[in-house]
PDB file of N, CA and C in Angstrom:
ATOM      1  N   MET A   1     -11.079   4.758 -13.324  1.00  0.00           N
ATOM      2  CA  MET A   1      -9.908   4.468 -12.512  1.00  0.00           C
ATOM      3  C   MET A   1      -8.826   5.497 -12.836  1.00  0.00           C
ATOM      4  N   SER A   2      -8.231   6.055 -11.800  1.00  0.00           N
ATOM      5  CA  SER A   2      -7.212   7.084 -12.007  1.00  0.00           C
ATOM      6  C   SER A   2      -5.945   6.484 -12.610  1.00  0.00           C
ATOM      7  N   LEU A   3      -5.148   7.357 -13.178  1.00  0.00           N
ATOM      8  CA  LEU A   3      -3.895   6.936 -13.808  1.00  0.00           C
ATOM      9  C   LEU A   3      -2.971   6.257 -12.802  1.00  0.00           C
ATOM     10  N   ARG A   4      -2.892   6.818 -11.601  1.00  0.00           N
ATOM     11  CA  ARG A   4      -2.049   6.228 -10.551  1.00  0.00           C
ATOM     12  C   ARG A   4      -2.525   4.825 -10.198  1.00  0.00           C
ATOM     13  N   LYS A   5      -3.834   4.677 -10.019  1.00  0.00           N
ATOM     14  CA  LYS A   5      -4.372   3.368  -9.633  1.00  0.00           C
ATOM     15  C   LYS A   5      -4.119   2.332 -10.719  1.00  0.00           C
ATOM     16  N   ARG A   6      -4.197   2.750 -11.979  1.00  0.00           N
ATOM     17  CA  ARG A   6      -3.888   1.823 -13.075  1.00  0.00           C
ATOM     18  C   ARG A   6      -2.420   1.406 -13.028  1.00  0.00           C
ATOM     19  N   GLU A   7      -1.559   2.356 -12.720  1.00  0.00           N
ATOM     20  CA  GLU A   7      -0.122   2.062 -12.610  1.00  0.00           C
ATOM     21  C   GLU A   7       0.129   1.062 -11.482  1.00  0.00           C
ATOM     22  N   PHE A   8      -0.521   1.261 -10.332  1.00  0.00           N
ATOM     23  CA  PHE A   8      -0.357   0.343  -9.204  1.00  0.00           C
ATOM     24  C   PHE A   8      -0.884  -1.046  -9.547  1.00  0.00           C
ATOM     25  N   SER A   9      -1.987  -1.094 -10.303  1.00  0.00           N
ATOM     26  CA  SER A   9      -2.592  -2.379 -10.672  1.00  0.00           C
ATOM     27  C   SER A   9      -1.627  -3.248 -11.472  1.00  0.00           C
ATOM     28  N   LYS A  10      -0.774  -2.615 -12.265  1.00  0.00           N
ATOM     29  CA  LYS A  10       0.223  -3.364 -13.040  1.00  0.00           C
ATOM     30  C   LYS A  10       1.132  -4.184 -12.131  1.00  0.00           C
ATOM     31  N   TYR A  11       1.302  -3.715 -10.896  1.00  0.00           N
ATOM     32  CA  TYR A  11       2.187  -4.376  -9.938  1.00  0.00           C
ATOM     33  C   TYR A  11       1.412  -5.177  -8.890  1.00  0.00           C
ATOM     34  N   GLY A  12       0.109  -5.372  -9.124  1.00  0.00           N
ATOM     35  CA  GLY A  12      -0.691  -6.169  -8.200  1.00  0.00           C
ATOM     36  C   GLY A  12      -1.148  -5.427  -6.961  1.00  0.00           C
ATOM     37  N   ILE A  13      -1.113  -4.103  -6.997  1.00  0.00           N
ATOM     38  CA  ILE A  13      -1.526  -3.279  -5.859  1.00  0.00           C
ATOM     39  C   ILE A  13      -2.839  -2.590  -6.214  1.00  0.00           C
ATOM     40  N   HIS A  14      -3.832  -2.742  -5.348  1.00  0.00           N
ATOM     41  CA  HIS A  14      -5.137  -2.119  -5.573  1.00  0.00           C
ATOM     42  C   HIS A  14      -5.475  -1.260  -4.359  1.00  0.00           C
ATOM     43  N   ILE A  15      -5.737   0.011  -4.618  1.00  0.00           N
ATOM     44  CA  ILE A  15      -6.075   0.970  -3.570  1.00  0.00           C
ATOM     45  C   ILE A  15      -7.594   1.107  -3.534  1.00  0.00           C
ATOM     46  N   GLU A  16      -8.184   0.734  -2.427  1.00  0.00           N
ATOM     47  CA  GLU A  16      -9.632   0.876  -2.239  1.00  0.00           C
ATOM     48  C   GLU A  16      -9.882   1.966  -1.199  1.00  0.00           C
ATOM     49  N   ASP A  17     -11.149   2.268  -0.944  1.00  0.00           N
ATOM     50  CA  ASP A  17     -11.474   3.329   0.013  1.00  0.00           C
ATOM     51  C   ASP A  17     -10.988   3.027   1.424  1.00  0.00           C
ATOM     52  N   ARG A  18     -11.127   1.784   1.862  1.00  0.00           N
ATOM     53  CA  ARG A  18     -10.816   1.454   3.257  1.00  0.00           C
ATOM     54  C   ARG A  18      -9.686   0.441   3.432  1.00  0.00           C
ATOM     55  N   TYR A  19      -9.174  -0.097   2.331  1.00  0.00           N
ATOM     56  CA  TYR A  19      -8.117  -1.097   2.457  1.00  0.00           C
ATOM     57  C   TYR A  19      -7.240  -1.156   1.216  1.00  0.00           C
ATOM     58  N   LEU A  20      -6.080  -1.766   1.395  1.00  0.00           N
ATOM     59  CA  LEU A  20      -5.093  -1.990   0.347  1.00  0.00           C
ATOM     60  C   LEU A  20      -5.087  -3.479   0.028  1.00  0.00           C
ATOM     61  N   ILE A  21      -5.045  -3.820  -1.251  1.00  0.00           N
ATOM     62  CA  ILE A  21      -4.950  -5.218  -1.666  1.00  0.00           C
ATOM     63  C   ILE A  21      -3.626  -5.390  -2.401  1.00  0.00           C
ATOM     64  N   GLN A  22      -2.867  -6.415  -1.991  1.00  0.00           N
ATOM     65  CA  GLN A  22      -1.623  -6.753  -2.677  1.00  0.00           C
ATOM     66  C   GLN A  22      -1.772  -8.169  -3.216  1.00  0.00           C
ATOM     67  N   GLU A  23      -1.667  -8.317  -4.535  1.00  0.00           N
ATOM     68  CA  GLU A  23      -1.755  -9.630  -5.166  1.00  0.00           C
ATOM     69  C   GLU A  23      -0.378 -10.040  -5.667  1.00  0.00           C
ATOM     70  N   THR A  24       0.030 -11.232  -5.266  1.00  0.00           N
ATOM     71  CA  THR A  24       1.263 -11.815  -5.784  1.00  0.00           C
ATOM     72  C   THR A  24       0.914 -13.200  -6.298  1.00  0.00           C
ATOM     73  N   GLU A  25       1.875 -13.932  -6.771  1.00  0.00           N
ATOM     74  CA  GLU A  25       1.621 -15.258  -7.320  1.00  0.00           C
ATOM     75  C   GLU A  25       0.956 -16.156  -6.286  1.00  0.00           C
ATOM     76  N   GLY A  26      -0.309 -16.485  -6.527  1.00  0.00           N
ATOM     77  CA  GLY A  26      -1.027 -17.399  -5.651  1.00  0.00           C
ATOM     78  C   GLY A  26      -1.388 -16.853  -4.287  1.00  0.00           C
ATOM     79  N   LYS A  27      -1.281 -15.551  -4.085  1.00  0.00           N
ATOM     80  CA  LYS A  27      -1.526 -14.979  -2.763  1.00  0.00           C
ATOM     81  C   LYS A  27      -2.158 -13.599  -2.900  1.00  0.00           C
ATOM     82  N   LYS A  28      -3.124 -13.328  -2.040  1.00  0.00           N
ATOM     83  CA  LYS A  28      -3.763 -12.008  -2.005  1.00  0.00           C
ATOM     84  C   LYS A  28      -3.823 -11.562  -0.554  1.00  0.00           C
ATOM     85  N   VAL A  29      -3.289 -10.376  -0.272  1.00  0.00           N
ATOM     86  CA  VAL A  29      -3.274  -9.834   1.084  1.00  0.00           C
ATOM     87  C   VAL A  29      -4.118  -8.562   1.096  1.00  0.00           C
ATOM     88  N   VAL A  30      -5.036  -8.483   2.060  1.00  0.00           N
ATOM     89  CA  VAL A  30      -5.878  -7.299   2.220  1.00  0.00           C
ATOM     90  C   VAL A  30      -5.542  -6.668   3.571  1.00  0.00           C
ATOM     91  N   VAL A  31      -5.200  -5.382   3.557  1.00  0.00           N
ATOM     92  CA  VAL A  31      -4.844  -4.675   4.787  1.00  0.00           C
ATOM     93  C   VAL A  31      -5.744  -3.449   4.937  1.00  0.00           C
ATOM     94  N   PRO A  32      -6.618  -3.441   5.949  1.00  0.00           N
ATOM     95  CA  PRO A  32      -7.403  -2.229   6.210  1.00  0.00           C
ATOM     96  C   PRO A  32      -6.459  -1.104   6.655  1.00  0.00           C
ATOM     97  N   TYR A  33      -6.710   0.109   6.196  1.00  0.00           N
ATOM     98  CA  TYR A  33      -5.835   1.231   6.536  1.00  0.00           C
ATOM     99  C   TYR A  33      -5.752   1.462   8.038  1.00  0.00           C
ATOM    100  N   TYR A  34      -6.844   1.210   8.755  1.00  0.00           N
ATOM    101  CA  TYR A  34      -6.821   1.455  10.200  1.00  0.00           C
ATOM    102  C   TYR A  34      -6.002   0.409  10.953  1.00  0.00           C
ATOM    103  N   HIS A  35      -5.527  -0.636  10.274  1.00  0.00           N
ATOM    104  CA  HIS A  35      -4.644  -1.621  10.906  1.00  0.00           C
ATOM    105  C   HIS A  35      -3.172  -1.249  10.749  1.00  0.00           C
ATOM    106  N   ILE A  36      -2.879  -0.281   9.906  1.00  0.00           N
ATOM    107  CA  ILE A  36      -1.486   0.095   9.656  1.00  0.00           C
ATOM    108  C   ILE A  36      -0.989   0.959  10.813  1.00  0.00           C
ATOM    109  N   ARG A  37       0.029   0.467  11.505  1.00  0.00           N
ATOM    110  CA  ARG A  37       0.624   1.210  12.624  1.00  0.00           C
ATOM    111  C   ARG A  37       1.796   2.064  12.165  1.00  0.00           C
ATOM    112  N   THR A  38       2.619   1.509  11.289  1.00  0.00           N
ATOM    113  CA  THR A  38       3.795   2.222  10.796  1.00  0.00           C
ATOM    114  C   THR A  38       3.916   1.982   9.304  1.00  0.00           C
ATOM    115  N   LEU A  39       4.265   3.030   8.586  1.00  0.00           N
ATOM    116  CA  LEU A  39       4.466   2.960   7.147  1.00  0.00           C
ATOM    117  C   LEU A  39       5.888   3.436   6.883  1.00  0.00           C
ATOM    118  N   GLU A  40       6.731   2.541   6.408  1.00  0.00           N
ATOM    119  CA  GLU A  40       8.147   2.865   6.188  1.00  0.00           C
ATOM    120  C   GLU A  40       8.419   2.919   4.689  1.00  0.00           C
ATOM    121  N   TYR A  41       9.082   3.979   4.247  1.00  0.00           N
ATOM    122  CA  TYR A  41       9.388   4.166   2.832  1.00  0.00           C
ATOM    123  C   TYR A  41      10.897   4.161   2.635  1.00  0.00           C
ATOM    124  N   ARG A  42      11.332   3.307   1.728  1.00  0.00           N
ATOM    125  CA  ARG A  42      12.743   3.281   1.336  1.00  0.00           C
ATOM    126  C   ARG A  42      12.798   3.472  -0.170  1.00  0.00           C
ATOM    127  N   GLU A  43      13.956   3.462  -0.730  1.00  0.00           N
ATOM    128  CA  GLU A  43      14.162   3.759  -2.148  1.00  0.00           C
ATOM    129  C   GLU A  43      13.175   3.046  -3.080  1.00  0.00           C
ATOM    130  N   ASN A  44      13.048   1.756  -2.976  1.00  0.00           N
ATOM    131  CA  ASN A  44      12.149   1.005  -3.856  1.00  0.00           C
ATOM    132  C   ASN A  44      11.265   0.045  -3.066  1.00  0.00           C
ATOM    133  N   ARG A  45      10.998   0.394  -1.820  1.00  0.00           N
ATOM    134  CA  ARG A  45      10.282  -0.536  -0.949  1.00  0.00           C
ATOM    135  C   ARG A  45       9.418   0.227   0.045  1.00  0.00           C
ATOM    136  N   ILE A  46       8.205  -0.279   0.242  1.00  0.00           N
ATOM    137  CA  ILE A  46       7.327   0.222   1.297  1.00  0.00           C
ATOM    138  C   ILE A  46       7.087  -0.940   2.241  1.00  0.00           C
ATOM    139  N   ILE A  47       7.254  -0.684   3.521  1.00  0.00           N
ATOM    140  CA  ILE A  47       7.025  -1.718   4.526  1.00  0.00           C
ATOM    141  C   ILE A  47       5.880  -1.253   5.412  1.00  0.00           C
ATOM    142  N   LEU A  48       4.831  -2.073   5.476  1.00  0.00           N
ATOM    143  CA  LEU A  48       3.669  -1.793   6.315  1.00  0.00           C
ATOM    144  C   LEU A  48       3.756  -2.660   7.555  1.00  0.00           C
ATOM    145  N   TYR A  49       3.649  -2.050   8.713  1.00  0.00           N
ATOM    146  CA  TYR A  49       3.592  -2.789   9.966  1.00  0.00           C
ATOM    147  C   TYR A  49       2.173  -2.639  10.496  1.00  0.00           C
ATOM    148  N   THR A  50       1.574  -3.758  10.879  1.00  0.00           N
ATOM    149  CA  THR A  50       0.213  -3.709  11.400  1.00  0.00           C
ATOM    150  C   THR A  50       0.249  -3.808  12.915  1.00  0.00           C
ATOM    151  N   GLY A  51      -0.926  -3.887  13.535  1.00  0.00           N
ATOM    152  CA  GLY A  51      -1.023  -3.900  14.991  1.00  0.00           C
ATOM    153  C   GLY A  51      -0.270  -5.025  15.668  1.00  0.00           C
ATOM    154  N   GLY A  52      -0.148  -6.157  15.029  1.00  0.00           N
ATOM    155  CA  GLY A  52       0.582  -7.276  15.624  1.00  0.00           C
ATOM    156  C   GLY A  52       2.018  -7.268  15.144  1.00  0.00           C
ATOM    157  N   ILE A  53       2.516  -8.444  14.859  1.00  0.00           N
ATOM    158  CA  ILE A  53       3.889  -8.549  14.371  1.00  0.00           C
ATOM    159  C   ILE A  53       3.939  -8.658  12.849  1.00  0.00           C
ATOM    160  N   GLU A  54       2.786  -8.513  12.208  1.00  0.00           N
ATOM    161  CA  GLU A  54       2.738  -8.639  10.759  1.00  0.00           C
ATOM    162  C   GLU A  54       3.515  -7.516  10.088  1.00  0.00           C
ATOM    163  N   ARG A  55       4.160  -7.889   9.002  1.00  0.00           N
ATOM    164  CA  ARG A  55       4.925  -6.925   8.211  1.00  0.00           C
ATOM    165  C   ARG A  55       4.714  -7.274   6.746  1.00  0.00           C
ATOM    166  N   ILE A  56       4.296  -6.303   5.966  1.00  0.00           N
ATOM    167  CA  ILE A  56       4.073  -6.509   4.543  1.00  0.00           C
ATOM    168  C   ILE A  56       5.081  -5.648   3.792  1.00  0.00           C
ATOM    169  N   VAL A  57       5.830  -6.275   2.896  1.00  0.00           N
ATOM    170  CA  VAL A  57       6.844  -5.565   2.119  1.00  0.00           C
ATOM    171  C   VAL A  57       6.370  -5.486   0.672  1.00  0.00           C
ATOM    172  N   ILE A  58       6.353  -4.278   0.131  1.00  0.00           N
ATOM    173  CA  ILE A  58       5.951  -4.051  -1.255  1.00  0.00           C
ATOM    174  C   ILE A  58       7.144  -3.444  -1.975  1.00  0.00           C
ATOM    175  N   GLU A  59       7.659  -4.165  -2.967  1.00  0.00           N
ATOM    176  CA  GLU A  59       8.804  -3.668  -3.735  1.00  0.00           C
ATOM    177  C   GLU A  59       8.334  -3.225  -5.111  1.00  0.00           C
ATOM    178  N   LEU A  60       8.688  -2.000  -5.466  1.00  0.00           N
ATOM    179  CA  LEU A  60       8.280  -1.391  -6.728  1.00  0.00           C
ATOM    180  C   LEU A  60       9.420  -0.536  -7.266  1.00  0.00           C
ATOM    181  N   PRO A  61       9.331  -0.126  -8.539  1.00  0.00           N
ATOM    182  CA  PRO A  61      10.311   0.841  -9.030  1.00  0.00           C
ATOM    183  C   PRO A  61      10.238   2.118  -8.178  1.00  0.00           C
ATOM    184  N   PRO A  62      11.356   2.805  -7.976  1.00  0.00           N
ATOM    185  CA  PRO A  62      11.397   3.959  -7.070  1.00  0.00           C
ATOM    186  C   PRO A  62      10.321   5.020  -7.298  1.00  0.00           C
ATOM    187  N   GLU A  63      10.059   5.394  -8.555  1.00  0.00           N
ATOM    188  CA  GLU A  63       9.065   6.446  -8.803  1.00  0.00           C
ATOM    189  C   GLU A  63       7.646   5.976  -8.474  1.00  0.00           C
ATOM    190  N   VAL A  64       7.340   4.725  -8.734  1.00  0.00           N
ATOM    191  CA  VAL A  64       6.020   4.166  -8.410  1.00  0.00           C
ATOM    192  C   VAL A  64       5.894   3.994  -6.902  1.00  0.00           C
ATOM    193  N   CYS A  65       6.972   3.608  -6.268  1.00  0.00           N
ATOM    194  CA  CYS A  65       6.993   3.421  -4.818  1.00  0.00           C
ATOM    195  C   CYS A  65       6.673   4.736  -4.105  1.00  0.00           C
ATOM    196  N   GLU A  66       7.250   5.818  -4.559  1.00  0.00           N
ATOM    197  CA  GLU A  66       6.990   7.123  -3.947  1.00  0.00           C
ATOM    198  C   GLU A  66       5.528   7.531  -4.128  1.00  0.00           C
ATOM    199  N   GLN A  67       4.978   7.289  -5.306  1.00  0.00           N
ATOM    200  CA  GLN A  67       3.567   7.607  -5.563  1.00  0.00           C
ATOM    201  C   GLN A  67       2.647   6.782  -4.669  1.00  0.00           C
ATOM    202  N   LEU A  68       2.957   5.500  -4.512  1.00  0.00           N
ATOM    203  CA  LEU A  68       2.146   4.638  -3.654  1.00  0.00           C
ATOM    204  C   LEU A  68       2.220   5.107  -2.207  1.00  0.00           C
ATOM    205  N   TYR A  69       3.393   5.481  -1.752  1.00  0.00           N
ATOM    206  CA  TYR A  69       3.566   5.980  -0.387  1.00  0.00           C
ATOM    207  C   TYR A  69       2.673   7.203  -0.146  1.00  0.00           C
ATOM    208  N   GLU A  70       2.699   8.142  -1.074  1.00  0.00           N
ATOM    209  CA  GLU A  70       1.867   9.343  -0.950  1.00  0.00           C
ATOM    210  C   GLU A  70       0.382   8.987  -0.943  1.00  0.00           C
ATOM    211  N   GLU A  71      -0.011   8.072  -1.799  1.00  0.00           N
ATOM    212  CA  GLU A  71      -1.414   7.646  -1.881  1.00  0.00           C
ATOM    213  C   GLU A  71      -1.848   6.962  -0.585  1.00  0.00           C
ATOM    214  N   LEU A  72      -0.996   6.137  -0.026  1.00  0.00           N
ATOM    215  CA  LEU A  72      -1.313   5.464   1.235  1.00  0.00           C
ATOM    216  C   LEU A  72      -1.466   6.466   2.373  1.00  0.00           C
ATOM    217  N   LEU A  73      -0.602   7.465   2.425  1.00  0.00           N
ATOM    218  CA  LEU A  73      -0.721   8.497   3.465  1.00  0.00           C
ATOM    219  C   LEU A  73      -2.070   9.209   3.382  1.00  0.00           C
ATOM    220  N   ILE A  74      -2.503   9.513   2.184  1.00  0.00           N
ATOM    221  CA  ILE A  74      -3.797  10.178   1.990  1.00  0.00           C
ATOM    222  C   ILE A  74      -4.933   9.289   2.472  1.00  0.00           C
ATOM    223  N   HIS A  75      -4.898   8.005   2.115  1.00  0.00           N
ATOM    224  CA  HIS A  75      -5.970   7.089   2.510  1.00  0.00           C
ATOM    225  C   HIS A  75      -5.978   6.835   4.016  1.00  0.00           C
ATOM    226  N   ILE A  76      -4.820   6.735   4.622  1.00  0.00           N
ATOM    227  CA  ILE A  76      -4.754   6.550   6.080  1.00  0.00           C
ATOM    228  C   ILE A  76      -5.325   7.782   6.780  1.00  0.00           C
ATOM    229  N   GLU A  77      -4.984   8.959   6.293  1.00  0.00           N
ATOM    230  CA  GLU A  77      -5.500  10.191   6.885  1.00  0.00           C
ATOM    231  C   GLU A  77      -7.024  10.255   6.777  1.00  0.00           C
ATOM    232  N   ARG A  78      -7.575   9.842   5.655  1.00  0.00           N
ATOM    233  CA  ARG A  78      -9.036   9.856   5.462  1.00  0.00           C
ATOM    234  C   ARG A  78      -9.750   8.959   6.463  1.00  0.00           C
ATOM    235  N   VAL A  79      -9.143   7.842   6.790  1.00  0.00           N
ATOM    236  CA  VAL A  79      -9.757   6.912   7.744  1.00  0.00           C
ATOM    237  C   VAL A  79      -9.933   7.579   9.099  1.00  0.00           C
ATOM    238  N   TYR A  80      -8.973   8.397   9.491  1.00  0.00           N
ATOM    239  CA  TYR A  80      -8.995   8.992  10.826  1.00  0.00           C
ATOM    240  C   TYR A  80      -9.681  10.354  10.893  1.00  0.00           C
ATOM    241  N   LEU A  81     -10.124  10.897   9.772  1.00  0.00           N
ATOM    242  CA  LEU A  81     -10.813  12.198   9.791  1.00  0.00           C
ATOM    243  C   LEU A  81     -12.286  12.037  10.064  1.00  0.00           C
TER     244      LEU A  81
END
């Protein structure tokens, strides 16, 4: 497991080949990359919008948030190549 992925795991975020898993207290959300329509990055927050009205908000420390944003862009691009 890469250093980045281990860092994300500390916050309940798991990056897989085709989907993102977010684990919070008593809840697990799985989002396939091809369902992500818009990816919004703010200082300490990433907001994923899917094909419907679903919106997933991931709050992390700013430096981890930026790394996750970059990682998500790479995985989304791979899905469409």
